[in-house]
Amino acid sequence: MTAWIRMIPDEDADDHLKAVLNLARTPHGTVDNVMRVHSLRPNTMKGHVVLYRACLHDPSNTVPMWFQEVISAYVSTLNDCPYSYANHWANARHLIADEARADSIEAALQAHRPQDAFDGPQLAALIYTEKLTRSPGAMIKSDVAALKEAGWEDGEILEINQIVGYFNYANRLLNGLGVTTEGDVVGYYADE
């Protein structure tokens, strides 16, 4: 585990931190560095875990999971956040389950040209994603209207907005503290 600040390992955790670490455990039984970096302030770890799972892993979300991961990866490439990109692009690739399609999408995301791989509602969502990430103060009502016109429902627009907002937060946390994937199991589906 690496970051520019100290992270407390499981064996040195007090009871409060142990409880929060257990909340943050992945399906692999590990605590990823994105969460462990909060170990000096367990309450921010707890808040981060709850927010992350609500934005990206809530079973009531209706935006397709593979596309939630594409949005996550796009925000992370726009912010040059290798940590989040590595994890969430691995997840997207797994869920896309078509190597040629995944390669095409990845090239488009890396080039910041989603129009090379998407059209319709998905392209509209990625245009919104880019603007909200790069120019949040320039957002206007017509940005949301474009999503509605493309076919997204209000609840789905909220989901997209929350994924974008969450990854902008997480990317800044990770980049700002020098957190790496060293010691992490990369990707949610790594053991499948």
N, C-alpha and C. Protein backbone atom coordinates (compact mmCIF):
# COMPACT_ATOMS: atom_id res chain seq x y z
N MET A 1 0.84 -1.18 0.00
CA MET A 1 0.00 0.00 0.00
C MET A 1 0.88 1.23 0.00
N THR A 2 0.54 2.15 -0.91
CA THR A 2 1.36 3.36 -0.99
C THR A 2 0.51 4.61 -1.15
N ALA A 3 0.98 5.65 -0.51
CA ALA A 3 0.41 6.99 -0.62
C ALA A 3 1.45 7.94 -0.04
N TRP A 4 1.23 9.21 -0.18
CA TRP A 4 2.15 10.20 0.36
C TRP A 4 1.90 10.47 1.84
N ILE A 5 0.85 9.89 2.40
CA ILE A 5 0.61 9.97 3.84
C ILE A 5 0.57 8.55 4.40
N ARG A 6 0.69 8.45 5.70
CA ARG A 6 0.68 7.15 6.37
C ARG A 6 -0.71 6.52 6.28
N MET A 7 -0.72 5.21 6.04
CA MET A 7 -1.96 4.44 6.07
C MET A 7 -1.79 3.34 7.12
N ILE A 8 -2.80 3.17 7.94
CA ILE A 8 -2.72 2.22 9.06
C ILE A 8 -3.09 0.82 8.57
N PRO A 9 -2.20 -0.15 8.77
CA PRO A 9 -2.53 -1.53 8.39
C PRO A 9 -3.54 -2.14 9.36
N ASP A 10 -4.21 -3.19 8.95
CA ASP A 10 -5.23 -3.85 9.78
C ASP A 10 -4.71 -4.17 11.17
N GLU A 11 -3.50 -4.70 11.25
CA GLU A 11 -2.98 -5.16 12.54
C GLU A 11 -2.74 -4.03 13.53
N ASP A 12 -2.68 -2.78 13.07
CA ASP A 12 -2.46 -1.64 13.97
C ASP A 12 -3.74 -0.83 14.21
N ALA A 13 -4.85 -1.30 13.68
CA ALA A 13 -6.11 -0.55 13.77
C ALA A 13 -6.76 -0.73 15.14
N ASP A 14 -7.32 0.37 15.67
CA ASP A 14 -8.11 0.26 16.89
C ASP A 14 -9.50 -0.27 16.52
N ASP A 15 -10.35 -0.46 17.51
CA ASP A 15 -11.65 -1.08 17.27
C ASP A 15 -12.52 -0.27 16.30
N HIS A 16 -12.52 1.06 16.46
CA HIS A 16 -13.32 1.90 15.57
C HIS A 16 -12.83 1.76 14.12
N LEU A 17 -11.53 1.87 13.92
CA LEU A 17 -10.99 1.74 12.56
C LEU A 17 -11.24 0.34 12.02
N LYS A 18 -11.09 -0.69 12.84
CA LYS A 18 -11.35 -2.07 12.37
C LYS A 18 -12.77 -2.21 11.84
N ALA A 19 -13.73 -1.61 12.54
CA ALA A 19 -15.13 -1.69 12.10
C ALA A 19 -15.31 -1.02 10.74
N VAL A 20 -14.68 0.12 10.56
CA VAL A 20 -14.82 0.83 9.29
C VAL A 20 -14.05 0.10 8.18
N LEU A 21 -12.89 -0.43 8.49
CA LEU A 21 -12.16 -1.24 7.51
C LEU A 21 -13.00 -2.42 7.06
N ASN A 22 -13.70 -3.05 7.99
CA ASN A 22 -14.56 -4.18 7.62
C ASN A 22 -15.69 -3.74 6.71
N LEU A 23 -16.24 -2.54 6.94
CA LEU A 23 -17.26 -1.99 6.06
C LEU A 23 -16.70 -1.77 4.65
N ALA A 24 -15.43 -1.37 4.58
CA ALA A 24 -14.80 -1.02 3.30
C ALA A 24 -14.25 -2.22 2.53
N ARG A 25 -14.28 -3.40 3.11
CA ARG A 25 -13.69 -4.57 2.44
C ARG A 25 -14.38 -4.86 1.11
N THR A 26 -13.56 -5.23 0.13
CA THR A 26 -14.04 -5.58 -1.20
C THR A 26 -14.54 -7.03 -1.20
N PRO A 27 -15.14 -7.46 -2.29
CA PRO A 27 -15.51 -8.88 -2.39
C PRO A 27 -14.30 -9.81 -2.28
N HIS A 28 -13.10 -9.27 -2.49
CA HIS A 28 -11.86 -10.05 -2.38
C HIS A 28 -11.39 -10.15 -0.93
N GLY A 29 -12.05 -9.42 -0.02
CA GLY A 29 -11.66 -9.44 1.39
C GLY A 29 -10.59 -8.43 1.75
N THR A 30 -10.22 -7.59 0.79
CA THR A 30 -9.17 -6.60 1.01
C THR A 30 -9.77 -5.21 1.19
N VAL A 31 -8.95 -4.28 1.63
CA VAL A 31 -9.34 -2.86 1.69
C VAL A 31 -8.44 -2.15 0.70
N ASP A 32 -9.04 -1.63 -0.36
CA ASP A 32 -8.26 -0.93 -1.39
C ASP A 32 -7.67 0.36 -0.83
N ASN A 33 -6.57 0.76 -1.41
CA ASN A 33 -5.87 1.97 -0.97
C ASN A 33 -6.74 3.22 -1.05
N VAL A 34 -7.69 3.27 -1.98
CA VAL A 34 -8.59 4.42 -2.09
C VAL A 34 -9.37 4.62 -0.78
N MET A 35 -9.64 3.53 -0.08
CA MET A 35 -10.33 3.62 1.21
C MET A 35 -9.32 3.69 2.35
N ARG A 36 -8.28 2.88 2.29
CA ARG A 36 -7.32 2.83 3.39
C ARG A 36 -6.63 4.18 3.59
N VAL A 37 -6.52 4.99 2.56
CA VAL A 37 -5.87 6.29 2.71
C VAL A 37 -6.60 7.16 3.74
N HIS A 38 -7.84 6.82 4.04
CA HIS A 38 -8.62 7.53 5.06
C HIS A 38 -8.36 7.00 6.47
N SER A 39 -7.48 6.03 6.63
CA SER A 39 -7.36 5.32 7.91
C SER A 39 -7.04 6.23 9.09
N LEU A 40 -6.44 7.36 8.86
CA LEU A 40 -6.16 8.30 9.94
C LEU A 40 -7.43 9.04 10.38
N ARG A 41 -8.46 9.00 9.55
CA ARG A 41 -9.77 9.63 9.85
C ARG A 41 -10.87 8.65 9.41
N PRO A 42 -11.16 7.63 10.22
CA PRO A 42 -12.11 6.60 9.82
C PRO A 42 -13.48 7.11 9.41
N ASN A 43 -13.91 8.23 9.96
CA ASN A 43 -15.24 8.73 9.60
C ASN A 43 -15.30 9.17 8.14
N THR A 44 -14.20 9.70 7.60
CA THR A 44 -14.25 10.05 6.18
C THR A 44 -14.22 8.78 5.34
N MET A 45 -13.56 7.71 5.82
CA MET A 45 -13.59 6.43 5.10
C MET A 45 -15.03 5.91 5.05
N LYS A 46 -15.70 5.96 6.19
CA LYS A 46 -17.08 5.47 6.25
C LYS A 46 -17.97 6.25 5.28
N GLY A 47 -17.85 7.57 5.29
CA GLY A 47 -18.63 8.38 4.36
C GLY A 47 -18.30 8.07 2.92
N HIS A 48 -17.02 7.85 2.64
CA HIS A 48 -16.59 7.55 1.27
C HIS A 48 -17.16 6.21 0.81
N VAL A 49 -17.11 5.19 1.66
CA VAL A 49 -17.65 3.88 1.30
C VAL A 49 -19.14 3.99 0.98
N VAL A 50 -19.87 4.67 1.84
CA VAL A 50 -21.32 4.80 1.64
C VAL A 50 -21.63 5.55 0.35
N LEU A 51 -20.93 6.65 0.11
CA LEU A 51 -21.14 7.42 -1.12
C LEU A 51 -20.81 6.60 -2.35
N TYR A 52 -19.66 5.94 -2.35
CA TYR A 52 -19.24 5.12 -3.49
C TYR A 52 -20.28 4.06 -3.83
N ARG A 53 -20.71 3.33 -2.83
CA ARG A 53 -21.67 2.24 -3.08
C ARG A 53 -23.03 2.77 -3.52
N ALA A 54 -23.42 3.94 -3.04
CA ALA A 54 -24.69 4.53 -3.45
C ALA A 54 -24.63 5.00 -4.89
N CYS A 55 -23.49 5.54 -5.29
CA CYS A 55 -23.35 6.06 -6.66
C CYS A 55 -23.16 4.96 -7.69
N LEU A 56 -22.40 3.94 -7.35
CA LEU A 56 -21.97 3.00 -8.38
C LEU A 56 -22.46 1.58 -8.20
N HIS A 57 -22.81 1.17 -7.02
CA HIS A 57 -23.18 -0.23 -6.81
C HIS A 57 -24.55 -0.39 -6.17
N ASP A 58 -25.40 0.59 -6.34
CA ASP A 58 -26.74 0.49 -5.77
C ASP A 58 -27.63 -0.32 -6.71
N PRO A 59 -28.28 -1.35 -6.21
CA PRO A 59 -29.10 -2.18 -7.09
C PRO A 59 -30.31 -1.46 -7.70
N SER A 60 -30.68 -0.31 -7.16
CA SER A 60 -31.81 0.43 -7.74
C SER A 60 -31.40 1.31 -8.92
N ASN A 61 -30.09 1.45 -9.17
CA ASN A 61 -29.65 2.23 -10.34
C ASN A 61 -30.16 1.58 -11.61
N THR A 62 -30.54 2.41 -12.58
CA THR A 62 -31.05 1.87 -13.85
C THR A 62 -30.12 2.14 -15.03
N VAL A 63 -29.14 3.02 -14.87
CA VAL A 63 -28.12 3.16 -15.91
C VAL A 63 -27.37 1.83 -15.94
N PRO A 64 -27.21 1.21 -17.11
CA PRO A 64 -26.54 -0.09 -17.15
C PRO A 64 -25.18 -0.05 -16.47
N MET A 65 -24.88 -1.10 -15.71
CA MET A 65 -23.65 -1.15 -14.93
C MET A 65 -22.41 -0.95 -15.81
N TRP A 66 -22.37 -1.56 -16.98
CA TRP A 66 -21.19 -1.40 -17.83
C TRP A 66 -21.00 0.06 -18.21
N PHE A 67 -22.12 0.77 -18.42
CA PHE A 67 -22.01 2.18 -18.80
C PHE A 67 -21.67 3.05 -17.60
N GLN A 68 -22.13 2.68 -16.40
CA GLN A 68 -21.69 3.38 -15.19
C GLN A 68 -20.17 3.33 -15.09
N GLU A 69 -19.61 2.16 -15.40
CA GLU A 69 -18.15 1.99 -15.34
C GLU A 69 -17.45 2.78 -16.45
N VAL A 70 -18.07 2.87 -17.62
CA VAL A 70 -17.50 3.70 -18.70
C VAL A 70 -17.46 5.16 -18.27
N ILE A 71 -18.55 5.65 -17.68
CA ILE A 71 -18.56 7.04 -17.18
C ILE A 71 -17.44 7.23 -16.16
N SER A 72 -17.31 6.29 -15.25
CA SER A 72 -16.27 6.36 -14.21
C SER A 72 -14.89 6.43 -14.84
N ALA A 73 -14.65 5.58 -15.83
CA ALA A 73 -13.35 5.56 -16.51
C ALA A 73 -13.12 6.85 -17.28
N TYR A 74 -14.18 7.39 -17.89
CA TYR A 74 -14.00 8.62 -18.67
C TYR A 74 -13.64 9.80 -17.76
N VAL A 75 -14.35 9.95 -16.64
CA VAL A 75 -13.99 11.00 -15.70
C VAL A 75 -12.53 10.83 -15.28
N SER A 76 -12.14 9.61 -15.00
CA SER A 76 -10.78 9.35 -14.51
C SER A 76 -9.72 9.60 -15.56
N THR A 77 -10.02 9.36 -16.82
CA THR A 77 -9.03 9.69 -17.86
C THR A 77 -8.99 11.20 -18.09
N LEU A 78 -10.13 11.87 -18.00
CA LEU A 78 -10.14 13.34 -18.13
C LEU A 78 -9.31 13.99 -17.02
N ASN A 79 -9.34 13.38 -15.83
CA ASN A 79 -8.60 13.91 -14.69
C ASN A 79 -7.20 13.32 -14.55
N ASP A 80 -6.81 12.49 -15.49
CA ASP A 80 -5.50 11.84 -15.45
C ASP A 80 -5.28 11.16 -14.11
N CYS A 81 -6.25 10.31 -13.73
CA CYS A 81 -6.18 9.57 -12.46
C CYS A 81 -5.96 8.10 -12.78
N PRO A 82 -4.71 7.66 -12.78
CA PRO A 82 -4.44 6.27 -13.16
C PRO A 82 -5.06 5.25 -12.21
N TYR A 83 -5.21 5.58 -10.93
CA TYR A 83 -5.78 4.64 -9.97
C TYR A 83 -7.23 4.29 -10.35
N SER A 84 -8.07 5.30 -10.43
CA SER A 84 -9.48 5.03 -10.74
C SER A 84 -9.65 4.48 -12.15
N TYR A 85 -8.85 4.99 -13.08
CA TYR A 85 -8.97 4.49 -14.44
C TYR A 85 -8.64 3.00 -14.49
N ALA A 86 -7.57 2.57 -13.85
CA ALA A 86 -7.18 1.15 -13.88
C ALA A 86 -8.31 0.27 -13.35
N ASN A 87 -8.88 0.65 -12.24
CA ASN A 87 -9.94 -0.16 -11.64
C ASN A 87 -11.23 -0.14 -12.46
N HIS A 88 -11.67 1.03 -12.85
CA HIS A 88 -12.99 1.12 -13.46
C HIS A 88 -12.97 0.80 -14.94
N TRP A 89 -11.84 0.99 -15.60
CA TRP A 89 -11.79 0.50 -16.97
C TRP A 89 -11.74 -1.03 -16.97
N ALA A 90 -11.03 -1.63 -16.02
CA ALA A 90 -11.02 -3.11 -15.91
C ALA A 90 -12.45 -3.62 -15.71
N ASN A 91 -13.22 -2.93 -14.87
CA ASN A 91 -14.61 -3.32 -14.65
C ASN A 91 -15.44 -3.16 -15.92
N ALA A 92 -15.28 -2.03 -16.60
CA ALA A 92 -16.04 -1.79 -17.83
C ALA A 92 -15.71 -2.85 -18.87
N ARG A 93 -14.43 -3.11 -19.06
CA ARG A 93 -14.00 -4.11 -20.05
C ARG A 93 -14.64 -5.47 -19.75
N HIS A 94 -14.63 -5.85 -18.48
CA HIS A 94 -15.22 -7.13 -18.08
C HIS A 94 -16.72 -7.16 -18.42
N LEU A 95 -17.42 -6.09 -18.07
CA LEU A 95 -18.87 -6.04 -18.28
C LEU A 95 -19.25 -5.90 -19.75
N ILE A 96 -18.43 -5.24 -20.54
CA ILE A 96 -18.69 -5.12 -21.98
C ILE A 96 -18.62 -6.51 -22.62
N ALA A 97 -17.67 -7.31 -22.18
CA ALA A 97 -17.54 -8.71 -22.60
C ALA A 97 -17.40 -8.89 -24.11
N ASP A 98 -16.77 -7.92 -24.75
CA ASP A 98 -16.49 -7.98 -26.19
C ASP A 98 -15.19 -7.22 -26.38
N GLU A 99 -14.10 -7.94 -26.58
CA GLU A 99 -12.77 -7.32 -26.61
C GLU A 99 -12.65 -6.25 -27.68
N ALA A 100 -13.16 -6.51 -28.89
CA ALA A 100 -13.05 -5.52 -29.96
C ALA A 100 -13.83 -4.25 -29.61
N ARG A 101 -15.03 -4.42 -29.08
CA ARG A 101 -15.84 -3.25 -28.69
C ARG A 101 -15.15 -2.51 -27.54
N ALA A 102 -14.63 -3.24 -26.58
CA ALA A 102 -13.93 -2.62 -25.46
C ALA A 102 -12.70 -1.86 -25.93
N ASP A 103 -11.96 -2.43 -26.86
CA ASP A 103 -10.78 -1.74 -27.40
C ASP A 103 -11.17 -0.43 -28.07
N SER A 104 -12.26 -0.47 -28.83
CA SER A 104 -12.75 0.73 -29.51
C SER A 104 -13.17 1.81 -28.51
N ILE A 105 -13.88 1.39 -27.48
CA ILE A 105 -14.32 2.34 -26.46
C ILE A 105 -13.12 2.91 -25.71
N GLU A 106 -12.18 2.06 -25.35
CA GLU A 106 -11.02 2.55 -24.61
C GLU A 106 -10.23 3.57 -25.43
N ALA A 107 -10.05 3.30 -26.72
CA ALA A 107 -9.33 4.25 -27.57
C ALA A 107 -10.07 5.59 -27.63
N ALA A 108 -11.39 5.54 -27.71
CA ALA A 108 -12.19 6.78 -27.74
C ALA A 108 -12.08 7.55 -26.44
N LEU A 109 -12.13 6.84 -25.32
CA LEU A 109 -12.02 7.51 -24.02
C LEU A 109 -10.64 8.13 -23.85
N GLN A 110 -9.61 7.39 -24.20
CA GLN A 110 -8.24 7.89 -24.05
C GLN A 110 -7.98 9.11 -24.94
N ALA A 111 -8.62 9.14 -26.10
CA ALA A 111 -8.47 10.28 -27.02
C ALA A 111 -9.40 11.44 -26.67
N HIS A 112 -10.25 11.24 -25.66
CA HIS A 112 -11.27 12.23 -25.28
C HIS A 112 -12.19 12.50 -26.47
N ARG A 113 -12.51 11.44 -27.20
CA ARG A 113 -13.39 11.51 -28.37
C ARG A 113 -14.48 10.44 -28.26
N PRO A 114 -15.39 10.57 -27.29
CA PRO A 114 -16.40 9.52 -27.12
C PRO A 114 -17.26 9.32 -28.37
N GLN A 115 -17.34 10.34 -29.22
CA GLN A 115 -18.12 10.22 -30.45
C GLN A 115 -17.54 9.16 -31.40
N ASP A 116 -16.31 8.74 -31.17
CA ASP A 116 -15.72 7.70 -32.01
C ASP A 116 -16.28 6.31 -31.67
N ALA A 117 -16.90 6.16 -30.51
CA ALA A 117 -17.40 4.85 -30.10
C ALA A 117 -18.87 4.86 -29.69
N PHE A 118 -19.46 6.05 -29.53
CA PHE A 118 -20.82 6.15 -29.02
C PHE A 118 -21.65 7.11 -29.85
N ASP A 119 -22.96 6.93 -29.76
CA ASP A 119 -23.91 7.89 -30.29
C ASP A 119 -25.13 7.88 -29.39
N GLY A 120 -26.15 8.63 -29.74
CA GLY A 120 -27.40 8.62 -29.00
C GLY A 120 -27.26 8.96 -27.53
N PRO A 121 -28.04 8.29 -26.69
CA PRO A 121 -28.06 8.61 -25.26
C PRO A 121 -26.69 8.48 -24.59
N GLN A 122 -25.93 7.46 -24.97
CA GLN A 122 -24.62 7.26 -24.34
C GLN A 122 -23.67 8.39 -24.68
N LEU A 123 -23.66 8.83 -25.93
CA LEU A 123 -22.80 9.96 -26.29
C LEU A 123 -23.24 11.22 -25.55
N ALA A 124 -24.55 11.45 -25.46
CA ALA A 124 -25.03 12.63 -24.73
C ALA A 124 -24.55 12.59 -23.27
N ALA A 125 -24.58 11.42 -22.65
CA ALA A 125 -24.13 11.28 -21.26
C ALA A 125 -22.64 11.57 -21.14
N LEU A 126 -21.86 11.14 -22.11
CA LEU A 126 -20.41 11.36 -22.05
C LEU A 126 -20.04 12.81 -22.35
N ILE A 127 -20.82 13.47 -23.18
CA ILE A 127 -20.62 14.91 -23.41
C ILE A 127 -20.90 15.67 -22.11
N TYR A 128 -21.99 15.32 -21.44
CA TYR A 128 -22.33 15.91 -20.14
C TYR A 128 -21.20 15.63 -19.14
N THR A 129 -20.73 14.40 -19.12
CA THR A 129 -19.65 13.98 -18.22
C THR A 129 -18.42 14.85 -18.40
N GLU A 130 -18.03 15.07 -19.65
CA GLU A 130 -16.83 15.85 -19.92
C GLU A 130 -17.01 17.31 -19.49
N LYS A 131 -18.16 17.88 -19.81
CA LYS A 131 -18.36 19.29 -19.45
C LYS A 131 -18.41 19.45 -17.93
N LEU A 132 -19.12 18.57 -17.24
CA LEU A 132 -19.22 18.69 -15.78
C LEU A 132 -17.86 18.48 -15.12
N THR A 133 -17.02 17.64 -15.71
CA THR A 133 -15.68 17.40 -15.16
C THR A 133 -14.75 18.57 -15.43
N ARG A 134 -14.76 19.07 -16.64
CA ARG A 134 -13.79 20.11 -17.03
C ARG A 134 -14.24 21.53 -16.72
N SER A 135 -15.55 21.77 -16.79
CA SER A 135 -16.06 23.14 -16.63
C SER A 135 -17.33 23.17 -15.78
N PRO A 136 -17.25 22.75 -14.53
CA PRO A 136 -18.48 22.66 -13.72
C PRO A 136 -19.22 23.98 -13.57
N GLY A 137 -18.50 25.08 -13.56
CA GLY A 137 -19.16 26.38 -13.43
C GLY A 137 -19.87 26.84 -14.68
N ALA A 138 -19.65 26.16 -15.79
CA ALA A 138 -20.27 26.53 -17.06
C ALA A 138 -21.53 25.72 -17.35
N MET A 139 -21.92 24.84 -16.44
CA MET A 139 -23.11 24.02 -16.67
C MET A 139 -24.36 24.90 -16.73
N ILE A 140 -25.24 24.58 -17.67
CA ILE A 140 -26.49 25.32 -17.83
C ILE A 140 -27.64 24.33 -18.01
N LYS A 141 -28.84 24.83 -17.89
CA LYS A 141 -30.03 23.98 -17.96
C LYS A 141 -30.08 23.16 -19.24
N SER A 142 -29.63 23.71 -20.33
CA SER A 142 -29.69 22.97 -21.60
C SER A 142 -28.78 21.74 -21.61
N ASP A 143 -27.78 21.69 -20.72
CA ASP A 143 -26.95 20.48 -20.62
C ASP A 143 -27.78 19.30 -20.14
N VAL A 144 -28.67 19.55 -19.19
CA VAL A 144 -29.57 18.50 -18.70
C VAL A 144 -30.68 18.25 -19.72
N ALA A 145 -31.16 19.31 -20.36
CA ALA A 145 -32.20 19.14 -21.38
C ALA A 145 -31.70 18.23 -22.51
N ALA A 146 -30.42 18.35 -22.86
CA ALA A 146 -29.86 17.49 -23.92
C ALA A 146 -29.90 16.02 -23.50
N LEU A 147 -29.69 15.75 -22.22
CA LEU A 147 -29.78 14.37 -21.74
C LEU A 147 -31.22 13.86 -21.84
N LYS A 148 -32.18 14.70 -21.47
CA LYS A 148 -33.59 14.31 -21.57
C LYS A 148 -33.98 14.07 -23.03
N GLU A 149 -33.54 14.96 -23.91
CA GLU A 149 -33.85 14.80 -25.33
C GLU A 149 -33.24 13.53 -25.91
N ALA A 150 -32.11 13.10 -25.34
CA ALA A 150 -31.46 11.89 -25.81
C ALA A 150 -32.13 10.63 -25.26
N GLY A 151 -33.04 10.80 -24.29
CA GLY A 151 -33.80 9.66 -23.79
C GLY A 151 -33.54 9.25 -22.36
N TRP A 152 -32.69 9.98 -21.66
CA TRP A 152 -32.45 9.66 -20.26
C TRP A 152 -33.59 10.20 -19.40
N GLU A 153 -34.03 9.40 -18.44
CA GLU A 153 -35.04 9.81 -17.46
C GLU A 153 -34.36 10.62 -16.36
N ASP A 154 -35.15 11.41 -15.63
CA ASP A 154 -34.59 12.26 -14.57
C ASP A 154 -33.76 11.47 -13.55
N GLY A 155 -34.25 10.32 -13.11
CA GLY A 155 -33.51 9.52 -12.14
C GLY A 155 -32.18 9.05 -12.70
N GLU A 156 -32.16 8.70 -13.98
CA GLU A 156 -30.90 8.29 -14.62
C GLU A 156 -29.95 9.47 -14.76
N ILE A 157 -30.49 10.64 -15.02
CA ILE A 157 -29.66 11.84 -15.09
C ILE A 157 -29.01 12.09 -13.74
N LEU A 158 -29.78 11.91 -12.68
CA LEU A 158 -29.22 12.05 -11.34
C LEU A 158 -28.11 11.02 -11.12
N GLU A 159 -28.34 9.77 -11.54
CA GLU A 159 -27.30 8.73 -11.39
C GLU A 159 -26.03 9.15 -12.13
N ILE A 160 -26.17 9.60 -13.37
CA ILE A 160 -25.01 10.03 -14.16
C ILE A 160 -24.29 11.17 -13.44
N ASN A 161 -25.06 12.16 -13.00
CA ASN A 161 -24.50 13.30 -12.28
C ASN A 161 -23.73 12.86 -11.04
N GLN A 162 -24.28 11.93 -10.28
CA GLN A 162 -23.64 11.48 -9.06
C GLN A 162 -22.37 10.68 -9.33
N ILE A 163 -22.37 9.88 -10.38
CA ILE A 163 -21.15 9.14 -10.75
C ILE A 163 -20.06 10.12 -11.15
N VAL A 164 -20.41 11.11 -11.96
CA VAL A 164 -19.43 12.12 -12.37
C VAL A 164 -18.91 12.87 -11.15
N GLY A 165 -19.81 13.33 -10.29
CA GLY A 165 -19.40 14.06 -9.10
C GLY A 165 -18.54 13.21 -8.19
N TYR A 166 -18.94 11.97 -7.97
CA TYR A 166 -18.15 11.09 -7.11
C TYR A 166 -16.74 10.89 -7.67
N PHE A 167 -16.62 10.61 -8.95
CA PHE A 167 -15.28 10.34 -9.49
C PHE A 167 -14.41 11.59 -9.54
N ASN A 168 -15.02 12.75 -9.69
CA ASN A 168 -14.21 13.97 -9.57
C ASN A 168 -13.67 14.11 -8.15
N TYR A 169 -14.48 13.78 -7.16
CA TYR A 169 -14.01 13.77 -5.77
C TYR A 169 -12.90 12.73 -5.59
N ALA A 170 -13.17 11.49 -5.98
CA ALA A 170 -12.22 10.40 -5.75
C ALA A 170 -10.91 10.64 -6.49
N ASN A 171 -10.99 11.14 -7.73
CA ASN A 171 -9.76 11.40 -8.49
C ASN A 171 -8.89 12.43 -7.78
N ARG A 172 -9.51 13.44 -7.21
CA ARG A 172 -8.74 14.47 -6.50
C ARG A 172 -8.17 13.93 -5.19
N LEU A 173 -8.93 13.10 -4.51
CA LEU A 173 -8.41 12.43 -3.31
C LEU A 173 -7.17 11.62 -3.67
N LEU A 174 -7.28 10.78 -4.68
CA LEU A 174 -6.20 9.87 -5.06
C LEU A 174 -4.98 10.62 -5.59
N ASN A 175 -5.20 11.52 -6.55
CA ASN A 175 -4.08 12.27 -7.12
C ASN A 175 -3.44 13.19 -6.08
N GLY A 176 -4.25 13.78 -5.23
CA GLY A 176 -3.75 14.73 -4.24
C GLY A 176 -2.95 14.10 -3.12
N LEU A 177 -3.13 12.79 -2.90
CA LEU A 177 -2.39 12.09 -1.85
C LEU A 177 -1.44 11.03 -2.41
N GLY A 178 -1.29 10.99 -3.74
CA GLY A 178 -0.33 10.07 -4.35
C GLY A 178 -0.66 8.61 -4.13
N VAL A 179 -1.94 8.28 -4.09
CA VAL A 179 -2.35 6.90 -3.84
C VAL A 179 -2.15 6.07 -5.10
N THR A 180 -1.54 4.89 -4.93
CA THR A 180 -1.33 3.97 -6.05
C THR A 180 -2.09 2.67 -5.82
N THR A 181 -2.14 1.85 -6.84
CA THR A 181 -2.80 0.54 -6.74
C THR A 181 -1.88 -0.53 -6.16
N GLU A 182 -0.68 -0.16 -5.76
CA GLU A 182 0.26 -1.15 -5.23
C GLU A 182 -0.37 -1.90 -4.05
N GLY A 183 -0.44 -3.22 -4.17
CA GLY A 183 -1.04 -4.04 -3.13
C GLY A 183 -2.53 -4.26 -3.28
N ASP A 184 -3.19 -3.52 -4.14
CA ASP A 184 -4.63 -3.69 -4.37
C ASP A 184 -4.89 -4.83 -5.34
N VAL A 185 -6.09 -5.38 -5.28
CA VAL A 185 -6.60 -6.24 -6.34
C VAL A 185 -7.32 -5.30 -7.30
N VAL A 186 -6.80 -5.15 -8.52
CA VAL A 186 -7.36 -4.17 -9.45
C VAL A 186 -8.59 -4.75 -10.13
N GLY A 187 -9.69 -3.99 -10.04
CA GLY A 187 -10.94 -4.37 -10.68
C GLY A 187 -11.81 -5.21 -9.76
N TYR A 188 -13.07 -4.87 -9.74
CA TYR A 188 -14.07 -5.54 -8.91
C TYR A 188 -14.23 -7.01 -9.29
N TYR A 189 -14.04 -7.32 -10.56
CA TYR A 189 -14.29 -8.66 -11.08
C TYR A 189 -13.00 -9.46 -11.26
N ALA A 190 -11.93 -9.06 -10.61
CA ALA A 190 -10.61 -9.65 -10.82
C ALA A 190 -10.56 -11.15 -10.57
N ASP A 191 -11.36 -11.66 -9.66
CA ASP A 191 -11.30 -13.09 -9.34
C ASP A 191 -12.27 -13.93 -10.14
N GLU A 192 -13.09 -13.33 -10.96
CA GLU A 192 -14.08 -14.10 -11.73
C GLU A 192 -13.45 -14.73 -12.94
